[in-house]
């Protein structure tokens, strides 16, 4: 079932990531880690659907989405960058994405971190952040976002990683066994990874090489 909701606010988190605050339909419920199908009622886009994960808390009065915009794709995300307060979008009922298996290591590429934002925020509210680590990979510091919030939540258990730039406060390198070996103490714990397909494949291969249990690796694209 689709729900027509209005945009309350659109904020730029960096040069190509937007946070949308949406009206919340009466009786609309979701849990941390769930996603929705998102549509724009605009000419030429009626049949286009993109899946996005809620990034706000389930108890918030409004809904929140964090979306990377790709103007060159000329699709939904290109139009998301133009949305403003008062515009209407369509969202589906929520569906499950992340399958939590206990405290572990979250490894995300770019906006692949979005499924984990609400999860980590919810764990913080519940006082259950201990034992969780987040690696957030981006190309440059200009591509990073929510660094201050992740640092405040996780402290030394948050690693911002840049593949194409060396910058203060960030690790420098690409995903692989060598990097993970240096910064992960145990590989007998749950791992959660999300991002572009090539990134996620590299994460999983590196974890298996390091002895992680395949059944404890949750993969999202």
C-alpha atoms as a PDB file:
ATOM      1  CA  UNK A   1       0.000   0.000   0.000  1.00  0.00           C
ATOM      2  CA  UNK A   2       1.353   3.427  -0.953  1.00  0.00           C
ATOM      3  CA  UNK A   3       1.068   6.425   1.355  1.00  0.00           C
ATOM      4  CA  UNK A   4       1.200   9.979   0.001  1.00  0.00           C
ATOM      5  CA  UNK A   5       3.269  12.102   2.391  1.00  0.00           C
ATOM      6  CA  UNK A   6       4.514  15.666   2.265  1.00  0.00           C
ATOM      7  CA  UNK A   7       8.095  16.817   2.642  1.00  0.00           C
ATOM      8  CA  UNK A   8       8.573  18.864   5.800  1.00  0.00           C
ATOM      9  CA  UNK A   9      12.246  19.652   5.298  1.00  0.00           C
ATOM     10  CA  UNK A  10      15.141  18.857   2.956  1.00  0.00           C
ATOM     11  CA  UNK A  11      18.717  19.304   4.238  1.00  0.00           C
ATOM     12  CA  UNK A  12      22.056  18.755   2.520  1.00  0.00           C
ATOM     13  CA  UNK A  13      24.424  16.606   4.622  1.00  0.00           C
ATOM     14  CA  UNK A  14      27.221  16.998   2.068  1.00  0.00           C
ATOM     15  CA  UNK A  15      27.543  17.754  -1.647  1.00  0.00           C
ATOM     16  CA  UNK A  16      25.310  14.853  -2.750  1.00  0.00           C
ATOM     17  CA  UNK A  17      23.546  13.406   0.314  1.00  0.00           C
ATOM     18  CA  UNK A  18      20.165  14.755   1.366  1.00  0.00           C
ATOM     19  CA  UNK A  19      18.182  14.189   4.542  1.00  0.00           C
ATOM     20  CA  UNK A  20      14.421  14.319   4.037  1.00  0.00           C
ATOM     21  CA  UNK A  21      11.998  14.824   6.909  1.00  0.00           C
ATOM     22  CA  UNK A  22       8.534  13.541   5.968  1.00  0.00           C
ATOM     23  CA  UNK A  23       5.074  13.683   7.436  1.00  0.00           C
ATOM     24  CA  UNK A  24       4.202  10.475   9.268  1.00  0.00           C
ATOM     25  CA  UNK A  25       0.848   8.949   8.304  1.00  0.00           C
ATOM     26  CA  UNK A  26      -1.471   8.245  11.204  1.00  0.00           C
ATOM     27  CA  UNK A  27      -0.835   4.765  12.605  1.00  0.00           C
ATOM     28  CA  UNK A  28       2.304   4.254  10.500  1.00  0.00           C
ATOM     29  CA  UNK A  29       4.806   2.100  12.389  1.00  0.00           C
ATOM     30  CA  UNK A  30       8.270   0.747  11.585  1.00  0.00           C
ATOM     31  CA  UNK A  31      11.306  -0.592  13.416  1.00  0.00           C
ATOM     32  CA  UNK A  32      14.988   0.334  13.156  1.00  0.00           C
ATOM     33  CA  UNK A  33      16.590  -1.152  10.050  1.00  0.00           C
ATOM     34  CA  UNK A  34      13.388  -1.354   8.010  1.00  0.00           C
ATOM     35  CA  UNK A  35      13.103   0.162   4.523  1.00  0.00           C
ATOM     36  CA  UNK A  36      10.382   1.368   2.157  1.00  0.00           C
ATOM     37  CA  UNK A  37       9.752   1.603  -1.559  1.00  0.00           C
ATOM     38  CA  UNK A  38       9.854   5.252  -2.568  1.00  0.00           C
ATOM     39  CA  UNK A  39       8.138   6.827  -5.582  1.00  0.00           C
ATOM     40  CA  UNK A  40       7.829  10.321  -7.002  1.00  0.00           C
ATOM     41  CA  UNK A  41       4.529  11.297  -8.630  1.00  0.00           C
ATOM     42  CA  UNK A  42       6.224  13.194 -11.439  1.00  0.00           C
ATOM     43  CA  UNK A  43       5.949  12.813 -15.229  1.00  0.00           C
ATOM     44  CA  UNK A  44       8.211  10.067 -16.492  1.00  0.00           C
ATOM     45  CA  UNK A  45       8.858   8.640 -13.030  1.00  0.00           C
ATOM     46  CA  UNK A  46       5.502   7.021 -12.295  1.00  0.00           C
ATOM     47  CA  UNK A  47       6.880   3.488 -12.717  1.00  0.00           C
ATOM     48  CA  UNK A  48      10.251   4.114 -11.041  1.00  0.00           C
ATOM     49  CA  UNK A  49      10.760   2.695  -7.541  1.00  0.00           C
ATOM     50  CA  UNK A  50      13.757   2.997  -5.224  1.00  0.00           C
ATOM     51  CA  UNK A  51      14.188   1.359  -1.825  1.00  0.00           C
ATOM     52  CA  UNK A  52      15.452   3.527   1.030  1.00  0.00           C
ATOM     53  CA  UNK A  53      15.938   2.787   4.715  1.00  0.00           C
ATOM     54  CA  UNK A  54      14.425   4.913   7.458  1.00  0.00           C
ATOM     55  CA  UNK A  55      17.190   6.663   9.384  1.00  0.00           C
ATOM     56  CA  UNK A  56      15.122   8.229  12.166  1.00  0.00           C
ATOM     57  CA  UNK A  57      13.926   6.580  15.346  1.00  0.00           C
ATOM     58  CA  UNK A  58      10.662   4.651  15.339  1.00  0.00           C
ATOM     59  CA  UNK A  59       9.425   6.947  18.126  1.00  0.00           C
ATOM     60  CA  UNK A  60      10.061  10.192  16.211  1.00  0.00           C
ATOM     61  CA  UNK A  61       6.942  12.177  15.256  1.00  0.00           C
ATOM     62  CA  UNK A  62       8.131  12.388  11.667  1.00  0.00           C
ATOM     63  CA  UNK A  63       9.845  10.030   9.197  1.00  0.00           C
ATOM     64  CA  UNK A  64      13.435  10.498   8.070  1.00  0.00           C
ATOM     65  CA  UNK A  65      15.289   9.305   4.970  1.00  0.00           C
ATOM     66  CA  UNK A  66      18.947   9.887   4.070  1.00  0.00           C
ATOM     67  CA  UNK A  67      19.517   9.610   0.313  1.00  0.00           C
ATOM     68  CA  UNK A  68      22.503   9.942  -2.008  1.00  0.00           C
ATOM     69  CA  UNK A  69      21.582  11.853  -5.151  1.00  0.00           C
ATOM     70  CA  UNK A  70      22.948  10.902  -8.575  1.00  0.00           C
ATOM     71  CA  UNK A  71      22.108  13.693 -11.059  1.00  0.00           C
ATOM     72  CA  UNK A  72      23.827  11.773 -13.872  1.00  0.00           C
ATOM     73  CA  UNK A  73      21.392   8.847 -13.491  1.00  0.00           C
ATOM     74  CA  UNK A  74      18.416  11.068 -14.361  1.00  0.00           C
ATOM     75  CA  UNK A  75      16.153   8.967 -12.153  1.00  0.00           C
ATOM     76  CA  UNK A  76      14.534   9.235  -8.750  1.00  0.00           C
ATOM     77  CA  UNK A  77      17.607  10.322  -6.829  1.00  0.00           C
ATOM     78  CA  UNK A  78      18.308  13.128  -9.289  1.00  0.00           C
ATOM     79  CA  UNK A  79      14.815  14.432  -8.539  1.00  0.00           C
ATOM     80  CA  UNK A  80      15.237  13.932  -4.781  1.00  0.00           C
ATOM     81  CA  UNK A  81      17.876  16.669  -4.882  1.00  0.00           C
ATOM     82  CA  UNK A  82      15.192  19.093  -6.097  1.00  0.00           C
ATOM     83  CA  UNK A  83      12.544  18.253  -3.482  1.00  0.00           C
ATOM     84  CA  UNK A  84      11.434  21.013  -1.140  1.00  0.00           C
ATOM     85  CA  UNK A  85       9.035  21.506   1.740  1.00  0.00           C
ATOM     86  CA  UNK A  86       5.459  20.894   0.664  1.00  0.00           C
ATOM     87  CA  UNK A  87       6.245  18.460  -2.156  1.00  0.00           C
ATOM     88  CA  UNK A  88       4.518  15.069  -2.056  1.00  0.00           C
ATOM     89  CA  UNK A  89       6.160  11.644  -2.354  1.00  0.00           C
ATOM     90  CA  UNK A  90       4.819   8.097  -2.120  1.00  0.00           C
ATOM     91  CA  UNK A  91       6.119   5.540   0.372  1.00  0.00           C
ATOM     92  CA  UNK A  92       5.166   1.896   0.860  1.00  0.00           C
ATOM     93  CA  UNK A  93       4.593   0.007   4.064  1.00  0.00           C
ATOM     94  CA  UNK A  94       7.947  -0.861   5.682  1.00  0.00           C
ATOM     95  CA  UNK A  95       9.787  -4.133   5.126  1.00  0.00           C
ATOM     96  CA  UNK A  96      12.741  -5.807   6.838  1.00  0.00           C
ATOM     97  CA  UNK A  97      16.337  -5.414   5.684  1.00  0.00           C
ATOM     98  CA  UNK A  98      18.989  -5.778   8.400  1.00  0.00           C
ATOM     99  CA  UNK A  99      18.884  -9.058  10.349  1.00  0.00           C
ATOM    100  CA  UNK A 100      20.545  -8.267  13.679  1.00  0.00           C
ATOM    101  CA  UNK A 101      22.391 -11.154  15.287  1.00  0.00           C
ATOM    102  CA  UNK A 102      23.795  -9.308  18.274  1.00  0.00           C
ATOM    103  CA  UNK A 103      26.559  -6.734  18.836  1.00  0.00           C
ATOM    104  CA  UNK A 104      29.101  -6.717  16.022  1.00  0.00           C
ATOM    105  CA  UNK A 105      30.949  -4.797  13.347  1.00  0.00           C
ATOM    106  CA  UNK A 106      29.098  -2.646  10.803  1.00  0.00           C
ATOM    107  CA  UNK A 107      31.051  -2.059   7.563  1.00  0.00           C
ATOM    108  CA  UNK A 108      29.454   0.395   5.134  1.00  0.00           C
ATOM    109  CA  UNK A 109      30.399   2.001   1.833  1.00  0.00           C
ATOM    110  CA  UNK A 110      28.977   5.491   1.225  1.00  0.00           C
ATOM    111  CA  UNK A 111      25.221   5.628   1.754  1.00  0.00           C
ATOM    112  CA  UNK A 112      25.379   1.912   2.497  1.00  0.00           C
ATOM    113  CA  UNK A 113      25.563   3.204   6.056  1.00  0.00           C
ATOM    114  CA  UNK A 114      21.915   4.281   5.975  1.00  0.00           C
ATOM    115  CA  UNK A 115      20.459   0.921   7.118  1.00  0.00           C
ATOM    116  CA  UNK A 116      22.660   1.196  10.200  1.00  0.00           C
ATOM    117  CA  UNK A 117      21.906   4.780  11.218  1.00  0.00           C
ATOM    118  CA  UNK A 118      18.526   4.013  12.797  1.00  0.00           C
ATOM    119  CA  UNK A 119      19.868   0.729  14.229  1.00  0.00           C
ATOM    120  CA  UNK A 120      22.742   2.490  16.006  1.00  0.00           C
ATOM    121  CA  UNK A 121      20.502   5.345  17.157  1.00  0.00           C
ATOM    122  CA  UNK A 122      18.027   2.844  18.599  1.00  0.00           C
ATOM    123  CA  UNK A 123      20.786   0.894  20.364  1.00  0.00           C
ATOM    124  CA  UNK A 124      22.011   4.170  21.844  1.00  0.00           C
ATOM    125  CA  UNK A 125      18.542   4.997  23.178  1.00  0.00           C
ATOM    126  CA  UNK A 126      18.364   1.528  24.732  1.00  0.00           C
ATOM    127  CA  UNK A 127      21.854   1.774  26.211  1.00  0.00           C
ATOM    128  CA  UNK A 128      23.073  -1.173  24.124  1.00  0.00           C
ATOM    129  CA  UNK A 129      25.775   0.390  21.946  1.00  0.00           C
ATOM    130  CA  UNK A 130      28.627  -1.317  23.791  1.00  0.00           C
ATOM    131  CA  UNK A 131      30.338  -3.973  21.685  1.00  0.00           C
ATOM    132  CA  UNK A 132      29.411  -2.408  18.342  1.00  0.00           C
ATOM    133  CA  UNK A 133      31.868  -0.931  15.842  1.00  0.00           C
ATOM    134  CA  UNK A 134      31.248   1.052  12.648  1.00  0.00           C
ATOM    135  CA  UNK A 135      33.560   1.376   9.639  1.00  0.00           C
ATOM    136  CA  UNK A 136      32.289   3.974   7.160  1.00  0.00           C
ATOM    137  CA  UNK A 137      34.168   4.035   3.840  1.00  0.00           C
ATOM    138  CA  UNK A 138      34.089   7.020   1.478  1.00  0.00           C
ATOM    139  CA  UNK A 139      36.333   8.294  -1.294  1.00  0.00           C
ATOM    140  CA  UNK A 140      37.161  11.681   0.256  1.00  0.00           C
ATOM    141  CA  UNK A 141      36.282  13.695   3.351  1.00  0.00           C
ATOM    142  CA  UNK A 142      33.827  15.685   1.209  1.00  0.00           C
ATOM    143  CA  UNK A 143      31.830  12.469   0.705  1.00  0.00           C
ATOM    144  CA  UNK A 144      31.625  11.674   4.430  1.00  0.00           C
ATOM    145  CA  UNK A 145      28.593  12.649   6.503  1.00  0.00           C
ATOM    146  CA  UNK A 146      27.341  12.350  10.094  1.00  0.00           C
ATOM    147  CA  UNK A 147      30.961  11.994  11.248  1.00  0.00           C
ATOM    148  CA  UNK A 148      30.336  14.007  14.419  1.00  0.00           C
ATOM    149  CA  UNK A 149      27.283  11.928  15.340  1.00  0.00           C
ATOM    150  CA  UNK A 150      29.014   8.598  14.713  1.00  0.00           C
ATOM    151  CA  UNK A 151      31.998   9.753  16.769  1.00  0.00           C
ATOM    152  CA  UNK A 152      29.773  10.934  19.617  1.00  0.00           C
ATOM    153  CA  UNK A 153      27.914   7.612  19.630  1.00  0.00           C
ATOM    154  CA  UNK A 154      30.800   5.200  19.265  1.00  0.00           C
ATOM    155  CA  UNK A 155      33.983   7.073  20.153  1.00  0.00           C
ATOM    156  CA  UNK A 156      37.022   4.953  19.302  1.00  0.00           C
ATOM    157  CA  UNK A 157      34.735   2.281  17.885  1.00  0.00           C
ATOM    158  CA  UNK A 158      33.942   4.488  14.881  1.00  0.00           C
ATOM    159  CA  UNK A 159      36.355   4.450  11.947  1.00  0.00           C
ATOM    160  CA  UNK A 160      35.889   6.815   9.039  1.00  0.00           C
ATOM    161  CA  UNK A 161      37.948   5.483   6.124  1.00  0.00           C
ATOM    162  CA  UNK A 162      38.910   7.363   2.945  1.00  0.00           C
ATOM    163  CA  UNK A 163      40.107   5.507  -0.139  1.00  0.00           C
ATOM    164  CA  UNK A 164      41.349   8.473  -2.186  1.00  0.00           C
ATOM    165  CA  UNK A 165      42.535  10.983   0.391  1.00  0.00           C
ATOM    166  CA  UNK A 166      44.530  11.247   3.585  1.00  0.00           C
ATOM    167  CA  UNK A 167      42.835  13.531   6.104  1.00  0.00           C
ATOM    168  CA  UNK A 168      43.015  14.132   9.880  1.00  0.00           C
ATOM    169  CA  UNK A 169      40.624  11.933  11.856  1.00  0.00           C
ATOM    170  CA  UNK A 170      40.245   9.339   9.075  1.00  0.00           C
ATOM    171  CA  UNK A 171      41.968   6.092   8.197  1.00  0.00           C
ATOM    172  CA  UNK A 172      43.287   5.874   4.652  1.00  0.00           C
ATOM    173  CA  UNK A 173      42.900   2.730   2.553  1.00  0.00           C
ATOM    174  CA  UNK A 174      40.560   0.372   0.770  1.00  0.00           C
ATOM    175  CA  UNK A 175      38.508  -2.438   2.197  1.00  0.00           C
ATOM    176  CA  UNK A 176      40.499  -5.626   2.550  1.00  0.00           C
ATOM    177  CA  UNK A 177      41.848  -8.184   4.965  1.00  0.00           C
ATOM    178  CA  UNK A 178      44.903  -6.098   5.893  1.00  0.00           C
ATOM    179  CA  UNK A 179      42.881  -3.104   7.036  1.00  0.00           C
ATOM    180  CA  UNK A 180      40.359  -5.177   8.981  1.00  0.00           C
ATOM    181  CA  UNK A 181      43.080  -7.260  10.624  1.00  0.00           C
ATOM    182  CA  UNK A 182      44.620  -4.084  12.054  1.00  0.00           C
ATOM    183  CA  UNK A 183      41.422  -2.734  13.571  1.00  0.00           C
ATOM    184  CA  UNK A 184      39.162  -5.692  14.400  1.00  0.00           C
ATOM    185  CA  UNK A 185      40.174  -7.764  17.421  1.00  0.00           C
ATOM    186  CA  UNK A 186      37.812 -10.709  16.887  1.00  0.00           C
ATOM    187  CA  UNK A 187      36.309 -12.402  13.868  1.00  0.00           C
ATOM    188  CA  UNK A 188      33.978 -14.734  15.789  1.00  0.00           C
ATOM    189  CA  UNK A 189      31.272 -12.072  16.043  1.00  0.00           C
ATOM    190  CA  UNK A 190      28.478 -10.803  13.773  1.00  0.00           C
ATOM    191  CA  UNK A 191      29.386  -8.592  10.814  1.00  0.00           C
ATOM    192  CA  UNK A 192      26.974  -6.376   8.906  1.00  0.00           C
ATOM    193  CA  UNK A 193      27.902  -4.896   5.532  1.00  0.00           C
ATOM    194  CA  UNK A 194      26.084  -2.703   3.021  1.00  0.00           C
ATOM    195  CA  UNK A 195      27.127  -0.680  -0.014  1.00  0.00           C
ATOM    196  CA  UNK A 196      27.819  -1.123  -3.723  1.00  0.00           C
ATOM    197  CA  UNK A 197      27.942  -4.752  -4.840  1.00  0.00           C
ATOM    198  CA  UNK A 198      31.696  -4.765  -5.469  1.00  0.00           C
ATOM    199  CA  UNK A 199      32.364  -3.254  -2.044  1.00  0.00           C
ATOM    200  CA  UNK A 200      30.144  -5.742  -0.232  1.00  0.00           C
ATOM    201  CA  UNK A 201      31.712  -8.668  -2.099  1.00  0.00           C
ATOM    202  CA  UNK A 202      35.179  -7.434  -1.097  1.00  0.00           C
ATOM    203  CA  UNK A 203      34.079  -7.118   2.537  1.00  0.00           C
ATOM    204  CA  UNK A 204      32.672 -10.620   2.643  1.00  0.00           C
ATOM    205  CA  UNK A 205      35.728 -12.144   0.961  1.00  0.00           C
ATOM    206  CA  UNK A 206      38.050 -10.356   3.381  1.00  0.00           C
ATOM    207  CA  UNK A 207      36.035 -11.495   6.401  1.00  0.00           C
ATOM    208  CA  UNK A 208      36.010 -15.106   5.246  1.00  0.00           C
ATOM    209  CA  UNK A 209      39.766 -14.929   4.665  1.00  0.00           C
ATOM    210  CA  UNK A 210      40.149 -13.744   8.262  1.00  0.00           C
ATOM    211  CA  UNK A 211      38.081 -16.609   9.659  1.00  0.00           C
ATOM    212  CA  UNK A 212      34.663 -15.029  10.097  1.00  0.00           C
ATOM    213  CA  UNK A 213      31.667 -17.353  10.150  1.00  0.00           C
ATOM    214  CA  UNK A 214      29.702 -16.976   6.885  1.00  0.00           C
ATOM    215  CA  UNK A 215      26.454 -17.408   8.829  1.00  0.00           C
ATOM    216  CA  UNK A 216      27.297 -14.349  10.917  1.00  0.00           C
ATOM    217  CA  UNK A 217      27.848 -12.047   7.914  1.00  0.00           C
ATOM    218  CA  UNK A 218      24.721 -10.049   7.012  1.00  0.00           C
ATOM    219  CA  UNK A 219      24.963  -8.621   3.490  1.00  0.00           C
ATOM    220  CA  UNK A 220      22.902  -5.738   2.048  1.00  0.00           C
ATOM    221  CA  UNK A 221      23.162  -4.035  -1.348  1.00  0.00           C
END
